[in-house]
Each structure stands twice: as structure tokens, then as C-alpha cells.
């Protein structure tokens, strides 16, 4: 955990596989400071679709962050969504070899789903005068899904990155956005800071970095 890591100290990740291969990372220093998220908010948004003429309504989440210059200039965010929904049918009976009437038909009617949003969000202020991010676009939730029917919650986790880690995640993000169609660019190998100590020519995927985590949560009721 972050409480067990010493700030200003370099750490290295070492992995030994079952067949004796040894992989290591370049040394990474744990940052001493990391800014907090000022606020996460949402706004109504109408979005067009690629397969039909009409638009759909929904909400877009945004993030604001204002930090001191020495608190890091590169950021990555992970999003975890949770929403409440109701089962389509009540429980009337249950069967354990004999059919029984369920004592409380309303129980097990309210359900919750929690899952990580499979998108990469990065931003940098290293070429800006101020270490400020305003109105950064996060995920969009359409009203056509059942996510917004009762209650929706978004947890935002913010990581501060050094320049090398930010460039790695930015390349991953751009490659994910550009790939997918038959005419799109083929995926390239994106090198990280991991390597095989006995075979430096081997392609090794992944990046090891250390970062304090800032997080916040917003809840939207229907």
C-alpha cells in the first residue's frame, strides 16, 4: 500500500516465471505529492449514433482538478461504475424438490452491478503554464440503458504519472482508439519499462510505475 512505501525511494518490480525466466522493471521512484480531484460532475448531453438518424439522450461526466506545479503534471484516471436495477419479475416460488411459496416476493428484487469501465483516460499539463484541468470529459451514459433508471454511481481514481509512464499510457490509448476496423492501422508493439534480464531483445508488455491514488465518487438519482 502507499502507506508502506517511502516517498523519494526507488523501487523495482521483479517477476520470476514458472520456467525460470526473470523479468525486471526499470527503477521507479514513489512520488512525494499528488493532487486531489476537485470535483466530478455531470451534464445532459445528446449524442448521435452511427447506425441511425435519431439521437439519444444521456449524461456526460466531467472532472476538474487544480494543483500546485510540483504535484505532478501527468494523470491517468480509472472509472468504476455501480448502478441499482430491479429484477424484471418477483420471486413467487422456489423449488428444492418440492415447490414452495416464497415468503417475501419483494426480496431479491433490488440488485446492484459494479464494474470497471474499459476505457483509458489520460491528460497532461506539462506544456501548460498552470497545473489545472477543467471540464475533462469522462464517460457518457445513455438513457437508453437501464443504468440511469434508479441510481447510478461513478467512482473516479486518479493516478499521477511520470513522463515515461504517461507516454506509455497515451500510446495505448491512441492505439485503442485507432484500431478495430478492417482499414484501421495494425496494432504496434508498445514498449514499456519491463525486460527479460537474460534476453533484452524479447518483447515484454507492460509498465511498472508507482503513484499515490486520489479518488472521489458521485451519485446520480433518477
C-alpha atoms as a PDB file:
ATOM      1  CA  UNK A   1       0.000   0.000   0.000  1.00  0.00           C
ATOM      2  CA  UNK A   2       1.007   3.645  -0.367  1.00  0.00           C
ATOM      3  CA  UNK A   3       1.404   3.960   3.423  1.00  0.00           C
ATOM      4  CA  UNK A   4       4.100   1.260   3.363  1.00  0.00           C
ATOM      5  CA  UNK A   5       6.120   2.870   0.539  1.00  0.00           C
ATOM      6  CA  UNK A   6       8.697   5.527   1.292  1.00  0.00           C
ATOM      7  CA  UNK A   7       8.475   8.721  -0.743  1.00  0.00           C
ATOM      8  CA  UNK A   8      11.596   9.604  -2.679  1.00  0.00           C
ATOM      9  CA  UNK A   9      12.729   5.941  -2.726  1.00  0.00           C
ATOM     10  CA  UNK A  10      13.150   3.945  -5.947  1.00  0.00           C
ATOM     11  CA  UNK A  11      11.518   0.524  -6.329  1.00  0.00           C
ATOM     12  CA  UNK A  12      11.907  -2.210  -8.914  1.00  0.00           C
ATOM     13  CA  UNK A  13       9.457  -4.965  -9.885  1.00  0.00           C
ATOM     14  CA  UNK A  14      10.945  -8.463 -10.183  1.00  0.00           C
ATOM     15  CA  UNK A  15       8.980 -11.360 -11.707  1.00  0.00           C
ATOM     16  CA  UNK A  16      10.167 -14.973 -11.909  1.00  0.00           C
ATOM     17  CA  UNK A  17       8.104 -17.278 -14.138  1.00  0.00           C
ATOM     18  CA  UNK A  18       7.487 -20.966 -13.568  1.00  0.00           C
ATOM     19  CA  UNK A  19      10.137 -21.847 -16.200  1.00  0.00           C
ATOM     20  CA  UNK A  20      12.807 -19.706 -14.527  1.00  0.00           C
ATOM     21  CA  UNK A  21      12.640 -16.610 -16.721  1.00  0.00           C
ATOM     22  CA  UNK A  22      13.360 -13.428 -14.790  1.00  0.00           C
ATOM     23  CA  UNK A  23      11.742 -10.129 -15.725  1.00  0.00           C
ATOM     24  CA  UNK A  24      12.536  -6.801 -14.115  1.00  0.00           C
ATOM     25  CA  UNK A  25      11.446  -3.220 -14.452  1.00  0.00           C
ATOM     26  CA  UNK A  26      13.469  -0.069 -14.531  1.00  0.00           C
ATOM     27  CA  UNK A  27      13.657   1.534 -11.070  1.00  0.00           C
ATOM     28  CA  UNK A  28      10.696   3.813 -10.345  1.00  0.00           C
ATOM     29  CA  UNK A  29      10.503   6.450  -7.607  1.00  0.00           C
ATOM     30  CA  UNK A  30       7.400   6.835  -5.461  1.00  0.00           C
ATOM     31  CA  UNK A  31       6.159  10.462  -5.787  1.00  0.00           C
ATOM     32  CA  UNK A  32       6.063  12.579  -2.651  1.00  0.00           C
ATOM     33  CA  UNK A  33       2.927  14.536  -3.590  1.00  0.00           C
ATOM     34  CA  UNK A  34      -0.164  14.032  -5.692  1.00  0.00           C
ATOM     35  CA  UNK A  35      -3.099  16.410  -6.210  1.00  0.00           C
ATOM     36  CA  UNK A  36      -6.672  15.716  -5.209  1.00  0.00           C
ATOM     37  CA  UNK A  37      -9.631  15.707  -7.567  1.00  0.00           C
ATOM     38  CA  UNK A  38     -11.528  18.960  -7.049  1.00  0.00           C
ATOM     39  CA  UNK A  39     -14.870  17.710  -8.343  1.00  0.00           C
ATOM     40  CA  UNK A  40     -16.651  15.337 -10.689  1.00  0.00           C
ATOM     41  CA  UNK A  41     -19.960  16.457 -12.157  1.00  0.00           C
ATOM     42  CA  UNK A  42     -22.340  15.646 -14.998  1.00  0.00           C
ATOM     43  CA  UNK A  43     -24.311  17.451 -17.684  1.00  0.00           C
ATOM     44  CA  UNK A  44     -27.114  16.393 -20.002  1.00  0.00           C
ATOM     45  CA  UNK A  45     -25.878  15.555 -23.488  1.00  0.00           C
ATOM     46  CA  UNK A  46     -27.490  14.477 -26.740  1.00  0.00           C
ATOM     47  CA  UNK A  47     -25.360  12.103 -28.768  1.00  0.00           C
ATOM     48  CA  UNK A  48     -25.709  10.961 -32.369  1.00  0.00           C
ATOM     49  CA  UNK A  49     -25.406   7.318 -33.378  1.00  0.00           C
ATOM     50  CA  UNK A  50     -23.601   5.747 -36.305  1.00  0.00           C
ATOM     51  CA  UNK A  51     -26.344   3.336 -37.356  1.00  0.00           C
ATOM     52  CA  UNK A  52     -29.440   5.550 -37.325  1.00  0.00           C
ATOM     53  CA  UNK A  53     -30.559   9.130 -37.886  1.00  0.00           C
ATOM     54  CA  UNK A  54     -32.058   9.939 -34.497  1.00  0.00           C
ATOM     55  CA  UNK A  55     -30.035  10.970 -31.450  1.00  0.00           C
ATOM     56  CA  UNK A  56     -30.049   9.583 -27.932  1.00  0.00           C
ATOM     57  CA  UNK A  57     -30.086  11.457 -24.644  1.00  0.00           C
ATOM     58  CA  UNK A  58     -27.852  10.807 -21.675  1.00  0.00           C
ATOM     59  CA  UNK A  59     -25.389  12.374 -19.268  1.00  0.00           C
ATOM     60  CA  UNK A  60     -21.675  13.067 -19.647  1.00  0.00           C
ATOM     61  CA  UNK A  61     -19.365  13.154 -16.634  1.00  0.00           C
ATOM     62  CA  UNK A  62     -16.621  15.755 -16.297  1.00  0.00           C
ATOM     63  CA  UNK A  63     -13.660  16.311 -13.980  1.00  0.00           C
ATOM     64  CA  UNK A  64     -11.958  19.432 -12.593  1.00  0.00           C
ATOM     65  CA  UNK A  65      -8.535  19.399 -10.965  1.00  0.00           C
ATOM     66  CA  UNK A  66      -6.310  22.272  -9.831  1.00  0.00           C
ATOM     67  CA  UNK A  67      -2.890  21.551  -8.347  1.00  0.00           C
ATOM     68  CA  UNK A  68       0.420  23.105  -7.461  1.00  0.00           C
ATOM     69  CA  UNK A  69       3.158  22.948 -10.095  1.00  0.00           C
ATOM     70  CA  UNK A  70       5.267  20.470  -8.101  1.00  0.00           C
ATOM     71  CA  UNK A  71       2.403  17.997  -7.627  1.00  0.00           C
ATOM     72  CA  UNK A  72       2.865  16.227 -10.938  1.00  0.00           C
ATOM     73  CA  UNK A  73       1.834  17.118 -14.469  1.00  0.00           C
ATOM     74  CA  UNK A  74       0.658  13.815 -15.951  1.00  0.00           C
ATOM     75  CA  UNK A  75      -2.507  11.960 -14.970  1.00  0.00           C
ATOM     76  CA  UNK A  76      -4.477   8.804 -15.671  1.00  0.00           C
ATOM     77  CA  UNK A  77      -7.979   8.015 -14.453  1.00  0.00           C
ATOM     78  CA  UNK A  78      -9.779   4.727 -13.863  1.00  0.00           C
ATOM     79  CA  UNK A  79     -13.563   4.673 -13.642  1.00  0.00           C
ATOM     80  CA  UNK A  80     -15.738   2.179 -11.769  1.00  0.00           C
ATOM     81  CA  UNK A  81     -19.497   2.361 -12.241  1.00  0.00           C
ATOM     82  CA  UNK A  82     -22.219   0.997  -9.983  1.00  0.00           C
ATOM     83  CA  UNK A  83     -25.923   1.117 -10.647  1.00  0.00           C
ATOM     84  CA  UNK A  84     -29.080  -0.109  -8.981  1.00  0.00           C
ATOM     85  CA  UNK A  85     -31.642  -2.001 -11.004  1.00  0.00           C
ATOM     86  CA  UNK A  86     -34.745  -4.052 -10.324  1.00  0.00           C
ATOM     87  CA  UNK A  87     -35.338  -7.609 -11.452  1.00  0.00           C
ATOM     88  CA  UNK A  88     -37.967  -7.956 -14.171  1.00  0.00           C
ATOM     89  CA  UNK A  89     -40.051 -10.427 -12.145  1.00  0.00           C
ATOM     90  CA  UNK A  90     -40.814 -11.003  -8.484  1.00  0.00           C
ATOM     91  CA  UNK A  91     -39.976 -14.318  -6.834  1.00  0.00           C
ATOM     92  CA  UNK A  92     -43.211 -16.212  -6.198  1.00  0.00           C
ATOM     93  CA  UNK A  93     -41.989 -19.771  -5.644  1.00  0.00           C
ATOM     94  CA  UNK A  94     -38.804 -21.748  -5.102  1.00  0.00           C
ATOM     95  CA  UNK A  95     -38.123 -25.441  -5.681  1.00  0.00           C
ATOM     96  CA  UNK A  96     -35.919 -27.749  -3.615  1.00  0.00           C
ATOM     97  CA  UNK A  97     -37.555 -30.977  -4.731  1.00  0.00           C
ATOM     98  CA  UNK A  98     -40.867 -29.619  -3.521  1.00  0.00           C
ATOM     99  CA  UNK A  99     -42.495 -26.419  -4.770  1.00  0.00           C
ATOM    100  CA  UNK A 100     -42.728 -23.775  -2.016  1.00  0.00           C
ATOM    101  CA  UNK A 101     -44.287 -20.346  -1.979  1.00  0.00           C
ATOM    102  CA  UNK A 102     -41.639 -17.646  -1.490  1.00  0.00           C
ATOM    103  CA  UNK A 103     -42.327 -15.824   1.802  1.00  0.00           C
ATOM    104  CA  UNK A 104     -41.384 -12.313   0.631  1.00  0.00           C
ATOM    105  CA  UNK A 105     -41.898 -11.652  -3.069  1.00  0.00           C
ATOM    106  CA  UNK A 106     -40.167  -8.260  -2.871  1.00  0.00           C
ATOM    107  CA  UNK A 107     -36.854  -9.697  -1.579  1.00  0.00           C
ATOM    108  CA  UNK A 108     -34.047 -10.137  -4.103  1.00  0.00           C
ATOM    109  CA  UNK A 109     -35.887  -7.677  -6.334  1.00  0.00           C
ATOM    110  CA  UNK A 110     -33.353  -4.845  -5.968  1.00  0.00           C
ATOM    111  CA  UNK A 111     -29.933  -5.618  -7.466  1.00  0.00           C
ATOM    112  CA  UNK A 112     -26.625  -3.811  -7.918  1.00  0.00           C
ATOM    113  CA  UNK A 113     -23.941  -4.093 -10.583  1.00  0.00           C
ATOM    114  CA  UNK A 114     -20.366  -2.852 -10.194  1.00  0.00           C
ATOM    115  CA  UNK A 115     -17.738  -2.972 -12.931  1.00  0.00           C
ATOM    116  CA  UNK A 116     -14.679  -1.178 -14.253  1.00  0.00           C
ATOM    117  CA  UNK A 117     -15.197   0.972 -17.359  1.00  0.00           C
ATOM    118  CA  UNK A 118     -12.945  -0.391 -20.087  1.00  0.00           C
ATOM    119  CA  UNK A 119     -11.545   2.903 -21.359  1.00  0.00           C
ATOM    120  CA  UNK A 120      -8.268   4.763 -20.854  1.00  0.00           C
ATOM    121  CA  UNK A 121      -8.346   8.405 -19.771  1.00  0.00           C
ATOM    122  CA  UNK A 122      -5.123  10.453 -19.710  1.00  0.00           C
ATOM    123  CA  UNK A 123      -4.226  14.136 -19.648  1.00  0.00           C
ATOM    124  CA  UNK A 124      -1.115  16.236 -19.144  1.00  0.00           C
ATOM    125  CA  UNK A 125      -0.397  19.846 -18.191  1.00  0.00           C
ATOM    126  CA  UNK A 126       3.373  19.678 -18.693  1.00  0.00           C
ATOM    127  CA  UNK A 127       3.212  22.141 -21.601  1.00  0.00           C
ATOM    128  CA  UNK A 128       0.779  24.492 -19.850  1.00  0.00           C
ATOM    129  CA  UNK A 129       1.530  27.401 -17.537  1.00  0.00           C
ATOM    130  CA  UNK A 130      -0.856  26.246 -14.805  1.00  0.00           C
ATOM    131  CA  UNK A 131      -1.374  22.774 -13.424  1.00  0.00           C
ATOM    132  CA  UNK A 132      -5.118  22.945 -13.975  1.00  0.00           C
ATOM    133  CA  UNK A 133      -7.599  20.688 -15.785  1.00  0.00           C
ATOM    134  CA  UNK A 134     -11.152  21.942 -16.302  1.00  0.00           C
ATOM    135  CA  UNK A 135     -14.049  20.138 -17.912  1.00  0.00           C
ATOM    136  CA  UNK A 136     -12.155  16.939 -18.719  1.00  0.00           C
ATOM    137  CA  UNK A 137     -14.564  14.561 -20.460  1.00  0.00           C
ATOM    138  CA  UNK A 138     -15.162  11.215 -18.809  1.00  0.00           C
ATOM    139  CA  UNK A 139     -17.722   8.538 -19.679  1.00  0.00           C
ATOM    140  CA  UNK A 140     -21.132   9.006 -21.281  1.00  0.00           C
ATOM    141  CA  UNK A 141     -24.196   7.120 -20.020  1.00  0.00           C
ATOM    142  CA  UNK A 142     -27.173   6.831 -22.353  1.00  0.00           C
ATOM    143  CA  UNK A 143     -30.749   6.986 -21.071  1.00  0.00           C
ATOM    144  CA  UNK A 144     -31.495   4.025 -23.338  1.00  0.00           C
ATOM    145  CA  UNK A 145     -29.706   1.691 -20.941  1.00  0.00           C
ATOM    146  CA  UNK A 146     -31.119   0.781 -17.517  1.00  0.00           C
ATOM    147  CA  UNK A 147     -28.116   2.348 -15.779  1.00  0.00           C
ATOM    148  CA  UNK A 148     -29.947   5.581 -15.015  1.00  0.00           C
ATOM    149  CA  UNK A 149     -33.351   4.125 -14.142  1.00  0.00           C
ATOM    150  CA  UNK A 150     -32.911   4.233 -10.363  1.00  0.00           C
ATOM    151  CA  UNK A 151     -29.474   5.208  -9.067  1.00  0.00           C
ATOM    152  CA  UNK A 152     -26.069   5.433 -10.731  1.00  0.00           C
ATOM    153  CA  UNK A 153     -22.697   5.908  -9.041  1.00  0.00           C
ATOM    154  CA  UNK A 154     -19.314   6.691 -10.600  1.00  0.00           C
ATOM    155  CA  UNK A 155     -16.046   6.207  -8.710  1.00  0.00           C
ATOM    156  CA  UNK A 156     -13.065   8.068 -10.187  1.00  0.00           C
ATOM    157  CA  UNK A 157      -9.490   7.082  -9.269  1.00  0.00           C
ATOM    158  CA  UNK A 158      -6.687   9.460 -10.238  1.00  0.00           C
ATOM    159  CA  UNK A 159      -3.030   8.430 -10.687  1.00  0.00           C
ATOM    160  CA  UNK A 160      -0.075  10.781 -11.061  1.00  0.00           C
ATOM    161  CA  UNK A 161       2.428   9.591 -13.681  1.00  0.00           C
ATOM    162  CA  UNK A 162       5.979  10.461 -14.596  1.00  0.00           C
ATOM    163  CA  UNK A 163       6.694  11.420 -18.220  1.00  0.00           C
ATOM    164  CA  UNK A 164       7.617   7.882 -19.321  1.00  0.00           C
ATOM    165  CA  UNK A 165       4.522   6.297 -17.782  1.00  0.00           C
ATOM    166  CA  UNK A 166       2.261   8.954 -19.272  1.00  0.00           C
ATOM    167  CA  UNK A 167       3.736   8.475 -22.760  1.00  0.00           C
ATOM    168  CA  UNK A 168       3.187   4.697 -22.454  1.00  0.00           C
ATOM    169  CA  UNK A 169      -0.470   5.022 -21.444  1.00  0.00           C
ATOM    170  CA  UNK A 170      -1.078   7.730 -24.047  1.00  0.00           C
ATOM    171  CA  UNK A 171       0.207   5.438 -26.814  1.00  0.00           C
ATOM    172  CA  UNK A 172      -2.003   2.613 -25.525  1.00  0.00           C
ATOM    173  CA  UNK A 173      -4.997   4.974 -25.519  1.00  0.00           C
ATOM    174  CA  UNK A 174      -4.327   6.207 -29.062  1.00  0.00           C
ATOM    175  CA  UNK A 175      -3.824   2.674 -30.370  1.00  0.00           C
ATOM    176  CA  UNK A 176      -7.111   1.526 -28.823  1.00  0.00           C
ATOM    177  CA  UNK A 177      -8.940   4.441 -30.444  1.00  0.00           C
ATOM    178  CA  UNK A 178      -7.417   3.847 -33.887  1.00  0.00           C
ATOM    179  CA  UNK A 179      -7.812   0.069 -34.082  1.00  0.00           C
ATOM    180  CA  UNK A 180     -10.902  -2.010 -34.708  1.00  0.00           C
ATOM    181  CA  UNK A 181     -11.860  -1.626 -38.371  1.00  0.00           C
ATOM    182  CA  UNK A 182     -10.524  -3.531 -41.382  1.00  0.00           C
ATOM    183  CA  UNK A 183      -8.971  -0.338 -42.748  1.00  0.00           C
ATOM    184  CA  UNK A 184      -7.512   0.785 -39.447  1.00  0.00           C
ATOM    185  CA  UNK A 185      -3.844   0.729 -38.547  1.00  0.00           C
ATOM    186  CA  UNK A 186      -2.495  -2.555 -37.253  1.00  0.00           C
ATOM    187  CA  UNK A 187      -1.606  -2.619 -33.574  1.00  0.00           C
ATOM    188  CA  UNK A 188       2.041  -1.792 -32.872  1.00  0.00           C
ATOM    189  CA  UNK A 189       4.253  -3.147 -30.139  1.00  0.00           C
ATOM    190  CA  UNK A 190       4.427  -0.517 -27.395  1.00  0.00           C
ATOM    191  CA  UNK A 191       7.469  -0.955 -25.223  1.00  0.00           C
ATOM    192  CA  UNK A 192       7.264  -0.313 -21.512  1.00  0.00           C
ATOM    193  CA  UNK A 193       9.918  -0.440 -18.819  1.00  0.00           C
ATOM    194  CA  UNK A 194       9.914  -4.235 -18.297  1.00  0.00           C
ATOM    195  CA  UNK A 195      12.605  -6.519 -19.763  1.00  0.00           C
ATOM    196  CA  UNK A 196      13.940 -10.074 -19.631  1.00  0.00           C
ATOM    197  CA  UNK A 197      17.303  -9.861 -17.854  1.00  0.00           C
ATOM    198  CA  UNK A 198      18.687 -12.750 -19.956  1.00  0.00           C
ATOM    199  CA  UNK A 199      17.178 -11.698 -23.295  1.00  0.00           C
ATOM    200  CA  UNK A 200      16.982  -7.960 -23.822  1.00  0.00           C
ATOM    201  CA  UNK A 201      15.652  -8.474 -27.365  1.00  0.00           C
ATOM    202  CA  UNK A 202      12.455 -10.125 -26.142  1.00  0.00           C
ATOM    203  CA  UNK A 203       9.295  -8.054 -26.470  1.00  0.00           C
ATOM    204  CA  UNK A 204       7.856  -7.561 -22.984  1.00  0.00           C
ATOM    205  CA  UNK A 205       4.495  -5.882 -22.486  1.00  0.00           C
ATOM    206  CA  UNK A 206       3.578  -3.707 -19.538  1.00  0.00           C
ATOM    207  CA  UNK A 207       4.776  -0.769 -17.487  1.00  0.00           C
ATOM    208  CA  UNK A 208       5.597  -0.642 -13.788  1.00  0.00           C
ATOM    209  CA  UNK A 209       5.015   2.664 -12.051  1.00  0.00           C
ATOM    210  CA  UNK A 210       4.198   3.904  -8.569  1.00  0.00           C
ATOM    211  CA  UNK A 211       1.600   6.515  -7.787  1.00  0.00           C
ATOM    212  CA  UNK A 212      -0.497   7.815  -4.915  1.00  0.00           C
ATOM    213  CA  UNK A 213      -4.208   7.499  -5.644  1.00  0.00           C
ATOM    214  CA  UNK A 214      -6.819  10.220  -5.262  1.00  0.00           C
ATOM    215  CA  UNK A 215     -10.433   9.206  -5.581  1.00  0.00           C
ATOM    216  CA  UNK A 216     -13.928  10.585  -5.426  1.00  0.00           C
ATOM    217  CA  UNK A 217     -17.454   9.323  -6.037  1.00  0.00           C
ATOM    218  CA  UNK A 218     -20.567  10.909  -7.484  1.00  0.00           C
ATOM    219  CA  UNK A 219     -24.116   9.534  -7.212  1.00  0.00           C
ATOM    220  CA  UNK A 220     -26.933  10.302  -9.649  1.00  0.00           C
ATOM    221  CA  UNK A 221     -30.514   9.595  -8.586  1.00  0.00           C
ATOM    222  CA  UNK A 222     -33.288   9.335 -11.152  1.00  0.00           C
END
